[in-house]
């Protein structure tokens, strides 16, 4: 980026901008007419310590403006990644619908390949597959893509904190859209009292503990029995049919969860998601964390106000919270240079916001891409076998009663 471009697009002094320009910039800068507001604190910051603000409207080339916003606005980049991943999941859903339409028509409708990405919605099968791989050295060929999607999610959790939840997870994206809609409709979101918040947050860890203990007790023969069972082979199909033929109780459960999400930020993710619990626990190992520089902090609390996880960022030196998704909303909101950044824990190296976003996508794509290159993406179930099994779904071997896999024979 040359000097002329920088001087044309960047501002370092908000006093040179009109109030309309500040509001149109999309930055979290409070009104200028409140003498006791955080704006006055900002204006007292030495000129050289203020973060640069960018007037994106000056750039007329749409593609260049898009790239400029991707690089300099972490929340625009995050929204772009979230939207792209959500659209990918929707496309996978459409492909799976077409595959199911073929299967349920007994092969009369046009055939569409089953999309392997649907296995990302089978976390229990993936967890069993991971333990089976570790203990036996064998990558199962029933739901191999589910295993590698799970490994990709775990890797982002270990290396990049709970970033999968805030950048990639489609459920997290929908949950975020709901509370933002609720805030727009009602003017604010509800904050759960901490004496109720802590017990509710423990629910997702109890669910995680239940699944972990159940799977931990399984030995290699038992896991092999489950992985190759008729039930597991059609687990994705049964998941589809659950939603396609959803019961009134299940539908109202989803509606109630969505209503709660309108009022309480990330209700499902914060209180009930076992995935979130697992990644929250792993995030303690992450070498990347948000750090605050106390010596330059002006205590404007913009970081805390912008945090979707209600973390008191302005009170800590380093964000350890298991609820932190490294969404970088707090970093974006901070008005002072080198005060709130994402850094490595050992070397204290600052990671630019756009680089962090690229790393999240790269890790996920690299691991799932490795599965494709090593022929561990598509399963080994033929279309003929799928057609046969779809016609047998009501038989006992495809049921899963209270966690028990029904006995099945070599021809099942």
Protein backbone atom coordinates (compact mmCIF):
# COMPACT_ATOMS: atom_id res chain seq x y z
CA UNK A 1 0.00 0.00 0.00
CA UNK A 2 1.69 3.21 -1.16
CA UNK A 3 1.97 6.45 0.80
CA UNK A 4 -0.58 8.30 -1.32
CA UNK A 5 -3.15 5.56 -0.83
CA UNK A 6 -2.60 5.59 2.92
CA UNK A 7 -2.86 9.34 3.24
CA UNK A 8 -6.03 9.28 1.18
CA UNK A 9 -7.83 6.59 3.16
CA UNK A 10 -6.58 6.84 6.73
CA UNK A 11 -7.42 9.33 9.51
CA UNK A 12 -5.64 9.50 12.84
CA UNK A 13 -7.51 12.36 14.42
CA UNK A 14 -11.28 12.07 14.92
CA UNK A 15 -11.47 15.81 15.54
CA UNK A 16 -10.93 16.24 11.80
CA UNK A 17 -14.07 14.19 11.06
CA UNK A 18 -17.64 15.41 11.27
CA UNK A 19 -20.09 13.51 13.44
CA UNK A 20 -21.80 12.15 10.29
CA UNK A 21 -18.49 10.81 8.99
CA UNK A 22 -17.77 9.12 12.30
CA UNK A 23 -21.19 7.46 12.35
CA UNK A 24 -20.94 6.35 8.71
CA UNK A 25 -17.49 4.83 9.32
CA UNK A 26 -19.11 2.09 11.36
CA UNK A 27 -16.59 2.42 14.19
CA UNK A 28 -17.63 2.16 17.80
CA UNK A 29 -17.04 5.79 18.72
CA UNK A 30 -19.59 7.38 21.09
CA UNK A 31 -21.33 10.71 20.38
CA UNK A 32 -19.11 13.79 20.49
CA UNK A 33 -21.52 15.98 22.46
CA UNK A 34 -21.33 14.18 25.83
CA UNK A 35 -18.68 15.84 27.98
CA UNK A 36 -18.49 12.81 30.26
CA UNK A 37 -18.49 10.19 27.50
CA UNK A 38 -15.68 7.89 26.48
CA UNK A 39 -15.23 10.09 23.41
CA UNK A 40 -13.59 12.74 25.58
CA UNK A 41 -11.23 10.10 26.95
CA UNK A 42 -10.42 9.17 23.38
CA UNK A 43 -9.73 12.77 22.38
CA UNK A 44 -7.28 13.07 25.26
CA UNK A 45 -5.18 10.23 23.88
CA UNK A 46 -1.91 11.53 22.42
CA UNK A 47 -2.18 11.90 18.66
CA UNK A 48 0.48 9.25 17.95
CA UNK A 49 -1.27 6.62 20.12
CA UNK A 50 -4.67 6.80 18.47
CA UNK A 51 -5.69 3.96 16.20
CA UNK A 52 -6.05 4.89 12.57
CA UNK A 53 -9.57 5.10 11.21
CA UNK A 54 -10.30 4.30 7.60
CA UNK A 55 -12.78 6.05 5.35
CA UNK A 56 -13.74 3.12 3.11
CA UNK A 57 -16.12 5.23 1.07
CA UNK A 58 -13.24 7.03 -0.64
CA UNK A 59 -12.29 3.83 -2.46
CA UNK A 60 -14.59 3.59 -5.48
CA UNK A 61 -13.38 0.22 -6.77
CA UNK A 62 -15.71 -2.34 -5.15
CA UNK A 63 -13.16 -5.17 -5.21
CA UNK A 64 -10.41 -3.00 -3.69
CA UNK A 65 -12.82 -1.68 -1.06
CA UNK A 66 -13.77 -5.26 -0.19
CA UNK A 67 -10.11 -6.26 0.23
CA UNK A 68 -9.41 -3.10 2.23
CA UNK A 69 -12.24 -3.89 4.65
CA UNK A 70 -11.15 -7.54 4.92
CA UNK A 71 -7.66 -6.49 5.94
CA UNK A 72 -8.51 -3.64 8.29
CA UNK A 73 -11.89 -4.48 9.81
CA UNK A 74 -11.79 -7.76 11.74
CA UNK A 75 -15.56 -7.83 12.22
CA UNK A 76 -16.18 -7.41 8.50
CA UNK A 77 -13.74 -10.23 7.84
CA UNK A 78 -15.36 -12.42 10.50
CA UNK A 79 -18.84 -11.77 9.10
CA UNK A 80 -17.57 -12.65 5.63
CA UNK A 81 -16.07 -15.93 6.85
CA UNK A 82 -19.21 -16.75 8.86
CA UNK A 83 -21.45 -16.07 5.87
CA UNK A 84 -19.29 -18.12 3.50
CA UNK A 85 -19.23 -21.09 5.87
CA UNK A 86 -22.97 -20.85 6.53
CA UNK A 87 -23.67 -20.80 2.78
CA UNK A 88 -21.39 -23.83 2.38
CA UNK A 89 -23.40 -25.69 5.03
CA UNK A 90 -26.65 -24.69 3.30
CA UNK A 91 -25.30 -26.02 0.01
CA UNK A 92 -24.33 -29.29 1.72
CA UNK A 93 -27.87 -29.44 3.09
CA UNK A 94 -29.35 -28.97 -0.40
CA UNK A 95 -27.11 -31.70 -1.82
CA UNK A 96 -28.07 -34.05 1.00
CA UNK A 97 -31.76 -33.28 0.43
CA UNK A 98 -31.38 -34.24 -3.24
CA UNK A 99 -29.55 -37.42 -2.24
CA UNK A 100 -32.32 -38.30 0.20
CA UNK A 101 -34.96 -37.53 -2.43
CA UNK A 102 -33.31 -40.13 -4.68
CA UNK A 103 -33.07 -42.69 -1.88
CA UNK A 104 -36.60 -42.27 -0.58
CA UNK A 105 -37.95 -42.61 -4.13
CA UNK A 106 -36.33 -46.06 -4.31
CA UNK A 107 -33.93 -44.77 -6.96
CA UNK A 108 -36.62 -43.36 -9.26
CA UNK A 109 -35.55 -39.72 -8.86
CA UNK A 110 -32.30 -38.35 -10.32
CA UNK A 111 -29.22 -39.51 -8.42
CA UNK A 112 -27.10 -36.98 -6.54
CA UNK A 113 -23.91 -37.88 -4.67
CA UNK A 114 -24.15 -37.79 -0.90
CA UNK A 115 -22.07 -34.81 0.35
CA UNK A 116 -19.41 -36.03 2.85
CA UNK A 117 -19.55 -32.69 4.70
CA UNK A 118 -22.84 -33.74 6.29
CA UNK A 119 -20.79 -35.95 8.63
CA UNK A 120 -19.67 -32.81 10.43
CA UNK A 121 -23.07 -32.90 12.14
CA UNK A 122 -22.38 -36.32 13.70
CA UNK A 123 -20.16 -35.36 16.66
CA UNK A 124 -20.72 -38.57 18.69
CA UNK A 125 -19.72 -40.77 15.76
CA UNK A 126 -16.69 -38.52 15.16
CA UNK A 127 -15.59 -38.72 18.80
CA UNK A 128 -15.82 -42.52 18.73
CA UNK A 129 -13.92 -42.56 15.42
CA UNK A 130 -11.15 -40.43 16.94
CA UNK A 131 -10.73 -42.73 19.95
CA UNK A 132 -10.86 -45.77 17.66
CA UNK A 133 -8.14 -44.29 15.44
CA UNK A 134 -5.91 -43.47 18.42
CA UNK A 135 -6.23 -46.93 19.94
CA UNK A 136 -6.30 -49.08 16.80
CA UNK A 137 -4.45 -46.95 14.25
CA UNK A 138 -7.34 -47.43 11.80
CA UNK A 139 -9.29 -44.63 10.14
CA UNK A 140 -12.78 -46.02 9.72
CA UNK A 141 -14.32 -45.77 6.26
CA UNK A 142 -17.94 -45.30 7.37
CA UNK A 143 -17.80 -41.61 8.30
CA UNK A 144 -14.16 -40.62 7.60
CA UNK A 145 -14.89 -36.97 6.79
CA UNK A 146 -16.62 -36.58 10.16
CA UNK A 147 -13.39 -37.65 11.86
CA UNK A 148 -11.27 -35.10 9.99
CA UNK A 149 -13.80 -32.29 10.45
CA UNK A 150 -13.73 -33.08 14.18
CA UNK A 151 -9.90 -33.05 14.18
CA UNK A 152 -9.95 -29.69 12.36
CA UNK A 153 -12.30 -28.24 14.98
CA UNK A 154 -10.16 -29.57 17.85
CA UNK A 155 -6.99 -28.20 16.23
CA UNK A 156 -8.46 -24.70 15.91
CA UNK A 157 -9.48 -24.95 19.58
CA UNK A 158 -5.97 -25.89 20.70
CA UNK A 159 -4.06 -23.46 18.48
CA UNK A 160 -6.48 -20.56 18.06
CA UNK A 161 -8.66 -20.75 21.15
CA UNK A 162 -12.44 -21.13 20.76
CA UNK A 163 -12.31 -19.45 17.35
CA UNK A 164 -14.33 -22.14 15.57
CA UNK A 165 -17.40 -21.02 17.55
CA UNK A 166 -16.99 -17.35 16.66
CA UNK A 167 -15.79 -17.67 13.07
CA UNK A 168 -16.97 -20.92 11.46
CA UNK A 169 -19.74 -22.69 13.38
CA UNK A 170 -23.06 -22.30 11.50
CA UNK A 171 -25.06 -22.72 14.72
CA UNK A 172 -22.93 -20.01 16.34
CA UNK A 173 -23.55 -17.72 13.36
CA UNK A 174 -27.31 -18.21 13.58
CA UNK A 175 -27.22 -17.73 17.35
CA UNK A 176 -25.31 -14.47 16.92
CA UNK A 177 -27.76 -13.26 14.27
CA UNK A 178 -30.64 -13.96 16.65
CA UNK A 179 -29.31 -11.94 19.60
CA UNK A 180 -28.34 -9.10 17.26
CA UNK A 181 -31.90 -9.15 15.90
CA UNK A 182 -33.24 -9.18 19.45
CA UNK A 183 -31.08 -6.19 20.34
CA UNK A 184 -32.31 -4.31 17.30
CA UNK A 185 -35.96 -5.06 18.12
CA UNK A 186 -35.89 -4.56 21.90
CA UNK A 187 -32.97 -2.13 22.23
CA UNK A 188 -30.81 -4.40 24.37
CA UNK A 189 -30.09 -7.98 25.39
CA UNK A 190 -30.64 -9.42 28.84
CA UNK A 191 -27.67 -10.17 31.07
CA UNK A 192 -28.09 -13.23 33.27
CA UNK A 193 -27.11 -12.70 36.92
CA UNK A 194 -23.75 -14.36 37.60
CA UNK A 195 -25.25 -16.53 40.37
CA UNK A 196 -27.51 -18.06 37.75
CA UNK A 197 -25.05 -17.74 34.86
CA UNK A 198 -22.37 -20.00 36.38
CA UNK A 199 -24.72 -22.95 37.12
CA UNK A 200 -26.27 -22.65 33.66
CA UNK A 201 -22.84 -22.62 32.01
CA UNK A 202 -21.98 -25.83 33.81
CA UNK A 203 -24.79 -27.63 31.94
CA UNK A 204 -22.77 -27.92 28.73
CA UNK A 205 -19.82 -29.34 30.68
CA UNK A 206 -22.11 -31.93 32.30
CA UNK A 207 -23.33 -32.95 28.84
CA UNK A 208 -19.74 -33.16 27.60
CA UNK A 209 -18.76 -35.22 30.65
CA UNK A 210 -21.64 -37.64 30.02
CA UNK A 211 -20.58 -38.26 26.41
CA UNK A 212 -16.88 -38.42 27.30
CA UNK A 213 -17.39 -41.01 30.06
CA UNK A 214 -19.68 -43.11 27.85
CA UNK A 215 -17.13 -43.20 25.03
CA UNK A 216 -14.12 -43.57 27.36
CA UNK A 217 -15.55 -46.86 28.61
CA UNK A 218 -15.69 -48.33 25.11
CA UNK A 219 -12.86 -50.68 24.11
CA UNK A 220 -11.69 -51.28 20.53
CA UNK A 221 -14.04 -54.23 19.80
CA UNK A 222 -17.03 -52.27 21.16
CA UNK A 223 -16.13 -49.20 19.09
CA UNK A 224 -15.65 -51.35 16.01
CA UNK A 225 -19.08 -52.89 16.66
CA UNK A 226 -20.65 -49.42 16.79
CA UNK A 227 -18.78 -47.96 13.81
CA UNK A 228 -19.79 -50.81 11.50
CA UNK A 229 -23.33 -51.12 12.83
CA UNK A 230 -26.27 -50.55 10.47
CA UNK A 231 -27.37 -47.72 12.79
CA UNK A 232 -24.09 -45.80 12.45
CA UNK A 233 -23.98 -46.33 8.70
CA UNK A 234 -27.24 -44.45 8.31
CA UNK A 235 -26.80 -42.01 11.23
CA UNK A 236 -26.77 -39.05 8.85
CA UNK A 237 -29.93 -40.30 7.14
CA UNK A 238 -31.73 -40.72 10.47
CA UNK A 239 -30.60 -37.21 11.45
CA UNK A 240 -32.16 -35.85 8.26
CA UNK A 241 -35.40 -37.74 8.86
CA UNK A 242 -35.52 -36.42 12.43
CA UNK A 243 -35.75 -32.86 11.12
CA UNK A 244 -37.80 -33.73 8.03
CA UNK A 245 -40.42 -35.46 10.20
CA UNK A 246 -39.87 -33.39 13.31
CA UNK A 247 -42.20 -34.00 16.23
CA UNK A 248 -44.20 -31.20 17.83
CA UNK A 249 -42.14 -31.48 21.01
CA UNK A 250 -38.82 -31.20 19.16
CA UNK A 251 -40.07 -28.30 17.06
CA UNK A 252 -41.24 -26.35 20.11
CA UNK A 253 -37.92 -27.08 21.84
CA UNK A 254 -36.06 -25.48 18.93
CA UNK A 255 -38.47 -22.53 18.85
CA UNK A 256 -38.02 -21.93 22.60
CA UNK A 257 -34.23 -22.07 22.24
CA UNK A 258 -34.43 -19.54 19.43
CA UNK A 259 -36.63 -17.26 21.52
CA UNK A 260 -34.16 -17.41 24.40
CA UNK A 261 -31.41 -16.57 21.89
CA UNK A 262 -33.24 -13.38 20.93
CA UNK A 263 -32.93 -12.06 24.47
CA UNK A 264 -29.71 -13.68 25.74
CA UNK A 265 -26.51 -13.54 23.73
CA UNK A 266 -25.49 -16.94 22.35
CA UNK A 267 -27.89 -18.82 24.65
CA UNK A 268 -27.33 -22.27 23.11
CA UNK A 269 -23.56 -21.83 22.78
CA UNK A 270 -23.11 -20.44 26.28
CA UNK A 271 -25.24 -22.90 28.22
CA UNK A 272 -25.95 -26.09 26.29
CA UNK A 273 -23.44 -26.82 23.51
CA UNK A 274 -21.03 -29.70 24.38
CA UNK A 275 -18.83 -28.68 21.46
CA UNK A 276 -18.47 -25.25 23.04
CA UNK A 277 -17.58 -26.87 26.37
CA UNK A 278 -14.88 -29.01 24.75
CA UNK A 279 -13.36 -26.09 22.84
CA UNK A 280 -13.60 -23.87 25.91
CA UNK A 281 -11.59 -26.40 27.92
CA UNK A 282 -9.03 -26.79 25.11
CA UNK A 283 -8.71 -23.01 24.78
CA UNK A 284 -6.68 -22.93 27.99
CA UNK A 285 -3.92 -24.68 26.02
CA UNK A 286 -4.04 -22.18 23.19
CA UNK A 287 -0.83 -20.21 22.51
CA UNK A 288 -2.89 -17.28 21.22
CA UNK A 289 -4.79 -15.05 23.62
CA UNK A 290 -6.07 -11.49 23.76
CA UNK A 291 -3.84 -9.30 25.95
CA UNK A 292 -4.41 -5.85 27.42
CA UNK A 293 -1.68 -3.28 27.99
CA UNK A 294 -2.55 -1.65 31.32
CA UNK A 295 -0.11 1.22 30.82
CA UNK A 296 -1.91 2.58 27.74
CA UNK A 297 -5.49 1.52 28.58
CA UNK A 298 -7.80 4.53 29.12
CA UNK A 299 -10.53 2.47 30.88
CA UNK A 300 -13.18 3.43 28.34
CA UNK A 301 -14.67 -0.09 28.68
CA UNK A 302 -15.51 -0.23 24.97
CA UNK A 303 -13.89 -3.66 24.86
CA UNK A 304 -16.19 -5.06 27.54
CA UNK A 305 -19.27 -3.44 26.01
CA UNK A 306 -18.53 -5.02 22.63
CA UNK A 307 -17.80 -8.53 23.95
CA UNK A 308 -20.59 -10.98 22.93
CA UNK A 309 -19.53 -13.33 25.75
CA UNK A 310 -19.90 -10.64 28.47
CA UNK A 311 -16.24 -10.94 29.52
CA UNK A 312 -14.89 -8.04 31.60
CA UNK A 313 -12.01 -7.46 29.21
CA UNK A 314 -11.11 -4.06 30.67
CA UNK A 315 -10.27 -5.67 34.02
CA UNK A 316 -7.84 -8.38 32.91
CA UNK A 317 -4.31 -8.45 31.57
CA UNK A 318 -4.93 -11.59 29.52
CA UNK A 319 -8.28 -13.12 28.50
CA UNK A 320 -8.30 -16.69 29.83
CA UNK A 321 -12.07 -17.13 29.92
CA UNK A 322 -13.40 -20.36 28.43
CA UNK A 323 -16.18 -18.29 26.87
CA UNK A 324 -13.78 -16.19 24.77
CA UNK A 325 -14.18 -17.04 21.07
CA UNK A 326 -11.35 -14.79 19.89
CA UNK A 327 -13.95 -13.00 17.77
CA UNK A 328 -11.78 -9.85 18.08
CA UNK A 329 -14.78 -7.58 18.67
CA UNK A 330 -13.04 -6.15 21.73
CA UNK A 331 -9.79 -5.64 19.82
CA UNK A 332 -11.66 -3.82 17.07
CA UNK A 333 -13.45 -1.59 19.59
CA UNK A 334 -10.31 -0.49 21.45
CA UNK A 335 -9.36 3.06 20.33
CA UNK A 336 -5.71 2.99 21.46
CA UNK A 337 -2.78 1.51 19.56
CA UNK A 338 -1.09 -1.60 20.98
CA UNK A 339 -3.45 -1.74 23.95
CA UNK A 340 -5.63 -4.71 23.11
CA UNK A 341 -4.27 -7.26 20.68
CA UNK A 342 -4.17 -10.96 20.08
CA UNK A 343 -0.69 -12.21 20.91
CA UNK A 344 1.25 -15.41 21.36
CA UNK A 345 1.65 -16.36 25.02
CA UNK A 346 5.33 -17.38 24.89
CA UNK A 347 6.90 -14.72 22.64
CA UNK A 348 4.25 -12.00 23.10
CA UNK A 349 4.24 -11.54 19.31
CA UNK A 350 1.31 -9.53 18.01
CA UNK A 351 -0.81 -11.31 15.40
CA UNK A 352 -2.55 -8.90 12.99
CA UNK A 353 -6.30 -9.38 13.01
CA UNK A 354 -6.54 -10.36 9.34
CA UNK A 355 -3.70 -12.88 9.74
CA UNK A 356 -5.56 -14.49 12.64
CA UNK A 357 -8.68 -14.80 10.47
CA UNK A 358 -6.64 -16.35 7.66
CA UNK A 359 -5.10 -18.84 10.12
CA UNK A 360 -8.54 -20.05 11.25
CA UNK A 361 -9.67 -20.74 7.69
CA UNK A 362 -6.27 -22.19 6.73
CA UNK A 363 -6.17 -24.71 9.59
CA UNK A 364 -9.69 -25.94 8.87
CA UNK A 365 -9.21 -26.15 5.09
CA UNK A 366 -5.75 -27.73 5.41
CA UNK A 367 -6.95 -30.60 7.60
CA UNK A 368 -10.12 -31.32 5.64
CA UNK A 369 -8.12 -30.95 2.41
CA UNK A 370 -5.64 -33.53 3.73
CA UNK A 371 -8.52 -35.95 4.19
CA UNK A 372 -9.52 -35.45 0.55
CA UNK A 373 -5.95 -35.92 -0.72
CA UNK A 374 -5.47 -39.12 1.29
CA UNK A 375 -8.81 -40.62 0.19
CA UNK A 376 -10.29 -40.29 3.67
CA UNK A 377 -13.17 -38.02 2.73
CA UNK A 378 -15.73 -40.08 0.81
CA UNK A 379 -17.07 -43.12 2.65
CA UNK A 380 -17.03 -46.62 1.13
CA UNK A 381 -20.78 -47.20 1.14
CA UNK A 382 -22.05 -47.76 -2.41
CA UNK A 383 -25.23 -46.24 -3.81
CA UNK A 384 -26.69 -49.75 -4.06
CA UNK A 385 -26.08 -50.33 -0.35
CA UNK A 386 -27.61 -46.96 0.52
CA UNK A 387 -30.69 -47.79 -1.52
CA UNK A 388 -31.04 -51.14 0.24
CA UNK A 389 -30.65 -49.61 3.70
CA UNK A 390 -33.10 -46.78 3.06
CA UNK A 391 -35.75 -49.40 2.40
CA UNK A 392 -34.95 -51.13 5.72
CA UNK A 393 -34.88 -48.15 8.07
CA UNK A 394 -37.87 -49.36 10.09
CA UNK A 395 -36.27 -52.71 10.96
CA UNK A 396 -34.81 -53.27 14.49
CA UNK A 397 -31.11 -53.17 13.47
CA UNK A 398 -31.45 -49.48 12.56
CA UNK A 399 -32.81 -48.46 15.95
CA UNK A 400 -30.69 -47.13 18.81
CA UNK A 401 -32.41 -47.89 22.09
CA UNK A 402 -30.96 -46.03 25.10
CA UNK A 403 -27.46 -45.98 23.70
CA UNK A 404 -27.39 -49.71 22.90
CA UNK A 405 -26.48 -50.92 19.43
CA UNK A 406 -28.82 -53.76 18.39
CA UNK A 407 -27.23 -57.07 17.54
CA UNK A 408 -26.63 -57.50 13.84
CA UNK A 409 -25.23 -60.16 11.57
CA UNK A 410 -22.59 -60.14 8.82
CA UNK A 411 -25.27 -59.59 6.18
CA UNK A 412 -26.76 -56.57 7.98
